[in-house]
C-alpha atoms as a PDB file:
ATOM      1  CA  MET A   1      68.738 -54.946 -15.605  1.00  0.00           C
ATOM      2  CA  PRO A   2      69.231 -58.758 -15.350  1.00  0.00           C
ATOM      3  CA  ILE A   3      67.650 -60.779 -12.576  1.00  0.00           C
ATOM      4  CA  SER A   4      69.690 -60.926  -9.370  1.00  0.00           C
ATOM      5  CA  GLU A   5      71.891 -64.041  -8.752  1.00  0.00           C
ATOM      6  CA  PHE A   6      69.561 -65.005  -5.874  1.00  0.00           C
ATOM      7  CA  GLU A   7      66.373 -64.616  -7.796  1.00  0.00           C
ATOM      8  CA  LEU A   8      67.904 -66.349 -10.797  1.00  0.00           C
ATOM      9  CA  LYS A   9      68.788 -69.400  -8.628  1.00  0.00           C
ATOM     10  CA  ARG A  10      65.225 -69.494  -7.220  1.00  0.00           C
ATOM     11  CA  CYS A  11      63.727 -69.330 -10.698  1.00  0.00           C
ATOM     12  CA  LYS A  12      65.871 -72.178 -11.868  1.00  0.00           C
ATOM     13  CA  VAL A  13      64.734 -74.355  -9.008  1.00  0.00           C
ATOM     14  CA  LYS A  14      61.085 -73.620  -9.515  1.00  0.00           C
ATOM     15  CA  LEU A  15      61.478 -74.114 -13.318  1.00  0.00           C
ATOM     16  CA  SER A  16      63.116 -77.469 -12.783  1.00  0.00           C
ATOM     17  CA  ALA A  17      60.138 -78.646 -10.737  1.00  0.00           C
ATOM     18  CA  PHE A  18      57.734 -77.165 -13.432  1.00  0.00           C
ATOM     19  CA  MET A  19      59.509 -78.904 -16.229  1.00  0.00           C
ATOM     20  CA  ALA A  20      59.605 -82.273 -14.304  1.00  0.00           C
ATOM     21  CA  LYS A  21      55.813 -82.090 -14.072  1.00  0.00           C
ATOM     22  CA  HIS A  22      54.812 -80.769 -17.499  1.00  0.00           C
ATOM     23  CA  ARG A  23      57.443 -82.182 -19.886  1.00  0.00           C
ATOM     24  CA  PRO A  24      56.091 -84.930 -22.109  1.00  0.00           C
ATOM     25  CA  PRO A  25      57.021 -88.567 -21.439  1.00  0.00           C
ATOM     26  CA  VAL A  26      60.660 -89.499 -22.291  1.00  0.00           C
ATOM     27  CA  HIS A  27      59.696 -91.728 -25.249  1.00  0.00           C
ATOM     28  CA  ILE A  28      58.084 -88.881 -27.228  1.00  0.00           C
ATOM     29  CA  ARG A  29      60.559 -86.059 -26.398  1.00  0.00           C
ATOM     30  CA  ALA A  30      62.190 -86.355 -29.809  1.00  0.00           C
ATOM     31  CA  GLU A  31      58.875 -85.331 -31.308  1.00  0.00           C
ATOM     32  CA  VAL A  32      57.745 -82.654 -28.685  1.00  0.00           C
ATOM     33  CA  ASP A  33      59.531 -81.413 -25.714  1.00  0.00           C
ATOM     34  CA  LEU A  34      59.392 -78.403 -23.327  1.00  0.00           C
ATOM     35  CA  ASP A  35      62.213 -76.118 -22.185  1.00  0.00           C
ATOM     36  CA  TYR A  36      62.946 -72.644 -20.937  1.00  0.00           C
ATOM     37  CA  LYS A  37      65.451 -69.695 -21.375  1.00  0.00           C
ATOM     38  CA  ILE A  38      66.339 -66.996 -18.967  1.00  0.00           C
ATOM     39  CA  GLU A  39      67.553 -63.793 -20.770  1.00  0.00           C
ATOM     40  CA  ASN A  40      68.080 -60.515 -18.848  1.00  0.00           C
ATOM     41  CA  GLN A  41      64.907 -60.137 -16.742  1.00  0.00           C
ATOM     42  CA  SER A  42      62.759 -62.457 -18.752  1.00  0.00           C
ATOM     43  CA  VAL A  43      61.950 -66.145 -18.440  1.00  0.00           C
ATOM     44  CA  SER A  44      60.483 -67.796 -21.497  1.00  0.00           C
ATOM     45  CA  ILE A  45      58.868 -71.262 -21.714  1.00  0.00           C
ATOM     46  CA  PHE A  46      58.800 -72.759 -25.132  1.00  0.00           C
ATOM     47  CA  GLU A  47      57.967 -76.163 -27.009  1.00  0.00           C
ATOM     48  CA  ILE A  48      60.678 -77.826 -29.080  1.00  0.00           C
ATOM     49  CA  ARG A  49      59.454 -79.817 -32.178  1.00  0.00           C
ATOM     50  CA  PRO A  50      61.058 -81.009 -35.351  1.00  0.00           C
ATOM     51  CA  GLN A  51      60.887 -78.409 -38.125  1.00  0.00           C
ATOM     52  CA  TRP A  52      57.840 -79.316 -40.394  1.00  0.00           C
ATOM     53  CA  ASP A  53      59.878 -79.154 -43.697  1.00  0.00           C
ATOM     54  CA  ASN A  54      63.148 -80.602 -42.253  1.00  0.00           C
ATOM     55  CA  PRO A  55      62.727 -82.934 -39.352  1.00  0.00           C
ATOM     56  CA  THR A  56      66.451 -82.976 -38.734  1.00  0.00           C
ATOM     57  CA  LYS A  57      66.210 -79.417 -37.376  1.00  0.00           C
ATOM     58  CA  LYS A  58      64.396 -78.407 -34.314  1.00  0.00           C
ATOM     59  CA  THR A  59      62.156 -75.367 -33.878  1.00  0.00           C
ATOM     60  CA  GLU A  60      61.184 -73.499 -30.724  1.00  0.00           C
ATOM     61  CA  ILE A  61      57.585 -72.531 -30.347  1.00  0.00           C
ATOM     62  CA  PRO A  62      57.085 -69.777 -27.653  1.00  0.00           C
ATOM     63  CA  ILE A  63      54.425 -70.520 -24.964  1.00  0.00           C
ATOM     64  CA  ALA A  64      54.753 -68.181 -22.091  1.00  0.00           C
ATOM     65  CA  LYS A  65      56.945 -65.391 -20.726  1.00  0.00           C
ATOM     66  CA  ALA A  66      57.381 -63.507 -17.425  1.00  0.00           C
ATOM     67  CA  THR A  67      59.449 -60.332 -17.222  1.00  0.00           C
ATOM     68  CA  TYR A  68      60.594 -59.056 -13.813  1.00  0.00           C
ATOM     69  CA  ILE A  69      60.087 -55.354 -13.198  1.00  0.00           C
ATOM     70  CA  LYS A  70      62.407 -54.605 -10.419  1.00  0.00           C
ATOM     71  CA  LYS A  71      61.064 -51.044  -9.780  1.00  0.00           C
ATOM     72  CA  HIS A  72      57.625 -52.535  -8.936  1.00  0.00           C
ATOM     73  CA  LYS A  73      58.740 -55.799  -7.642  1.00  0.00           C
ATOM     74  CA  LEU A  74      56.406 -57.822  -9.800  1.00  0.00           C
ATOM     75  CA  TRP A  75      56.475 -60.168 -12.904  1.00  0.00           C
ATOM     76  CA  LYS A  76      54.563 -59.344 -16.037  1.00  0.00           C
ATOM     77  CA  VAL A  77      52.837 -62.285 -17.563  1.00  0.00           C
ATOM     78  CA  TYR A  78      52.666 -62.780 -21.375  1.00  0.00           C
ATOM     79  CA  TRP A  79      51.321 -65.423 -23.749  1.00  0.00           C
ATOM     80  CA  HIS A  80      52.237 -65.956 -27.376  1.00  0.00           C
ATOM     81  CA  ARG A  81      49.359 -65.486 -29.688  1.00  0.00           C
ATOM     82  CA  ALA A  82      48.768 -66.891 -33.203  1.00  0.00           C
ATOM     83  CA  ASP A  83      49.868 -63.384 -34.603  1.00  0.00           C
ATOM     84  CA  LEU A  84      53.406 -64.408 -33.341  1.00  0.00           C
ATOM     85  CA  LYS A  85      53.560 -61.617 -30.804  1.00  0.00           C
ATOM     86  CA  TRP A  86      53.637 -61.578 -26.975  1.00  0.00           C
ATOM     87  CA  HIS A  87      50.433 -60.238 -25.401  1.00  0.00           C
ATOM     88  CA  SER A  88      49.747 -59.437 -21.842  1.00  0.00           C
ATOM     89  CA  TYR A  89      47.852 -62.300 -20.149  1.00  0.00           C
ATOM     90  CA  GLU A  90      44.699 -60.280 -19.339  1.00  0.00           C
ATOM     91  CA  PRO A  91      43.093 -62.526 -16.791  1.00  0.00           C
ATOM     92  CA  GLN A  92      46.166 -61.786 -14.644  1.00  0.00           C
ATOM     93  CA  PRO A  93      48.731 -59.479 -16.257  1.00  0.00           C
ATOM     94  CA  THR A  94      51.033 -59.415 -13.224  1.00  0.00           C
ATOM     95  CA  VAL A  95      52.089 -61.453 -10.336  1.00  0.00           C
ATOM     96  CA  LYS A  96      54.227 -60.783  -7.251  1.00  0.00           C
ATOM     97  CA  MET A  97      55.881 -64.204  -7.163  1.00  0.00           C
ATOM     98  CA  PHE A  98      57.515 -66.150  -9.864  1.00  0.00           C
ATOM     99  CA  GLU A  99      55.693 -69.312  -8.698  1.00  0.00           C
ATOM    100  CA  GLU A 100      52.384 -67.605  -9.365  1.00  0.00           C
ATOM    101  CA  PHE A 101      53.420 -67.284 -13.038  1.00  0.00           C
ATOM    102  CA  LEU A 102      54.244 -70.966 -13.196  1.00  0.00           C
ATOM    103  CA  ASP A 103      51.031 -71.856 -11.529  1.00  0.00           C
ATOM    104  CA  ILE A 104      49.088 -69.739 -14.160  1.00  0.00           C
ATOM    105  CA  VAL A 105      50.835 -71.502 -17.057  1.00  0.00           C
ATOM    106  CA  GLY A 106      50.612 -74.917 -15.529  1.00  0.00           C
ATOM    107  CA  GLU A 107      46.852 -74.576 -14.927  1.00  0.00           C
ATOM    108  CA  ASP A 108      46.198 -72.890 -18.329  1.00  0.00           C
ATOM    109  CA  GLN A 109      42.766 -72.016 -17.231  1.00  0.00           C
ATOM    110  CA  HIS A 110      41.954 -70.084 -20.443  1.00  0.00           C
ATOM    111  CA  ALA A 111      43.843 -72.397 -22.882  1.00  0.00           C
ATOM    112  CA  CYS A 112      46.246 -69.631 -23.787  1.00  0.00           C
ATOM    113  CA  PHE A 113      49.530 -71.416 -23.281  1.00  0.00           C
ATOM    114  CA  PHE A 114      49.087 -75.069 -24.186  1.00  0.00           C
ATOM    115  CA  GLY A 115      45.882 -74.753 -26.203  1.00  0.00           C
END
């Protein structure tokens, strides 16, 4: 089930603030940038870079994902490992508020998201 309209609006406001703080400077955004997607009950944060073998094409590199579990009223936190799969973020696999997810990603205490 998709995120409610109210929660979706709240997530977008929080994501806008997160992006304003964590995106690279304007002059290098053609080489590396940060963005997000909201699909159904999940929010994904990813890096955008030119494709290595064709710089005219852009590629999206997943960084972090939060999936809302309505039944439990919590967000599951995931990170994207080198095996190209999403894994539960074991230091804190769930959070109650979406802002907590963004705090975890922004702090990147264990270098799982931004390396």
